[in-house]
Every structure is written in structure tokens, then in C-alpha cells.
Amino acid sequence: MLKKSIHGDVISFKVSRTIFGYPLYFTHFFYIDGLLIDTGPYHNAAEIKAALEKLPINKVVITHQHEDHTGNINYFRQELKVPVYAHLKTIKMIRKPPPIQLYRHLIWGAQPPADALPLEEKIVTANFCLKVIHTPGHSPDHTSYFEPLKGLLFCGDLFLGENLTGFMVGENIAEHFISLKKVIALNPSYLFCGLKGRLDNATNRLIKKYKQWWSIGTQVKTLYKQGASRLKIIREVFGGEIYFYYFSQSNWGRRYMIDSIIDNLEIFNSDQKNPYNPQEFLLIRDRAN
């Protein structure tokens, strides 16, 4: 399944593998002014090739190494001879992709070994200049792209939703907070999210996510300091583990968010009622400029 939608200068592609006509999980990738941002999953290769056949693609950039974003790199590099750019950590991972769980094979398909060129500080197209922003947390290599004139933030899997309450194995909440501060400071108008597609009111959504996770972190810290076990904390804070934890073969769950918070307790100050400090974020923005 592939759906195409146009939002001003941006074309959004929404893809999913289907079973008996039902989509399993939607992934988005985007096109702007000859630039493709991510390549979609390997299972949707035929649909993706057909959808992009008449679009002039001059270069491709990757947000991070997960297979739903990198599955068709070889098509663009080897068949279309289009340059593909990625963070150095992404390049290392896609050259020798790590093993993935069965559910990931089922939903997206494994990413074939591939290669890319190192990113520079900016991505220039005929009409736009996008800033390259390293935004780890979801993965160490995660990278976002920001178009400042219209406030467009292509954020891969940095956002995923204001009320997300689970992590993949290896996610780092401290890095998430640093990355969220970086992009909030840019004051974006629109998010182009790998899961949810185009979203308006971008800065407020990012702030809401930041505050929500901060609230979760302070709750976890209080319970942990009282001697509560991780399982009790999951029950107290979330009402229990999410069912997807079992479907994902223990690859994604609320317990990994709890683990990351406990590993980074020093960043949470339960007396700090408003962790969003506009002046601090403005300083970050000024330094970035």
C-alpha cells in the first residue's frame, strides 16, 4: 500500500505492507525540490519505484539506519545513479546491517547491505538549503533536516507522537532531551515525521513531548528512590507493559524507557516544575546560527 499527498513544496509518501488488505505499520518518506528524504522499506520497493518514476531525484538523504528508512538505498545508488548521503554512523551500520527480529522482517523487510556518502553541514537544492542536525536518542546516528524559510523539520523518528510511552532496545532518553532542545530552538512550523507524516503546530508538539517525558521521568525517579522494582514502576506509571513488547520479541517496550530513565536519573529534578526554559532554547538557537 502506498499513498501520496502534497503539502505545498513537499510530497509525502505513506507506505505499509498489507496482510489480507490490512496495513501492518505505516512509514513515511518525503520529497522536496529534487531531494528524497529516506527511501522507505524494502517490502514496498515495487510501489516506491513506480510512485517515484516521474519525479526528478537529484540526491537522497537518510535520517537513520533502521530498515524502514533505508530499505531501498541500492535502487537509488546503483540503478538510478543518484548520490545518497548519511551520517557517518549510519554509513557504518548500513554497510553491515545488524540482525533484526522476526517482526521487523515481516513488517519492513531486512535492509540489504548498502553504502552512502558522508553528510555535510547543509543540503542544497535548487530552491532550498536544509540544515543537517544530529538528533540522537532514537538511534545514535539519527539525523534531522530543517528548512528555515518555511519552518519545515524532517525529523525521521525523533518525534513519533507527544504521548509515546515506549522505547526500542538501546534508546537513550538523555540524548532524546538534548535533541528535542535542538529542534525546539529552531521554532519549526511543520513536522514531517516518519510515523505520522506532516503535522502542523510543530514547536508546541515538540514542547508537549518534552514535558510529557519529563513528567514520566520525575515519576520514575520518585518511585525508584522509594525502592520500587522496575515492574512495579511500569504498573504505577503506565498501568503495565504494552502488548507490542511481546509481539516485538522483547525489542520494544515501556521497560526500556524505564531502564533509560533509571540510567540517567541525574538529569531529572523533581522540584523543577517547568523543564522547558524558553531562554535556554533561544540560546541554543543563537549558537546554532
Foldseek 3Di string as FASTA:
>chain_A
DWDWDDDVQKIKIWDWDDDPRHGDAIFIWMDGQQETEFQAFQVCVVVSCVVCVPPRHQEYEYQAQDRRRQQCVCCCCPVVVHAYEFAPVNQVCLQPPDDADPVCCVIGRDRHRDGHHYDDQWDDHPPFIWGWAQQAQLHNRGIWIATQVQQEIEGEALQVFLQDQKHFPPGAVVSSLVNLLLSLLSVGQWYQYGRPGIDGPPNVRSQSSNLNLLVLLLQLLVCVVVPDDLQVSCCVRPVGKDPVCVVRVNRMINSNSSVNSVVVVVVHDNVDPRPDDNVVSNVSNVVVD
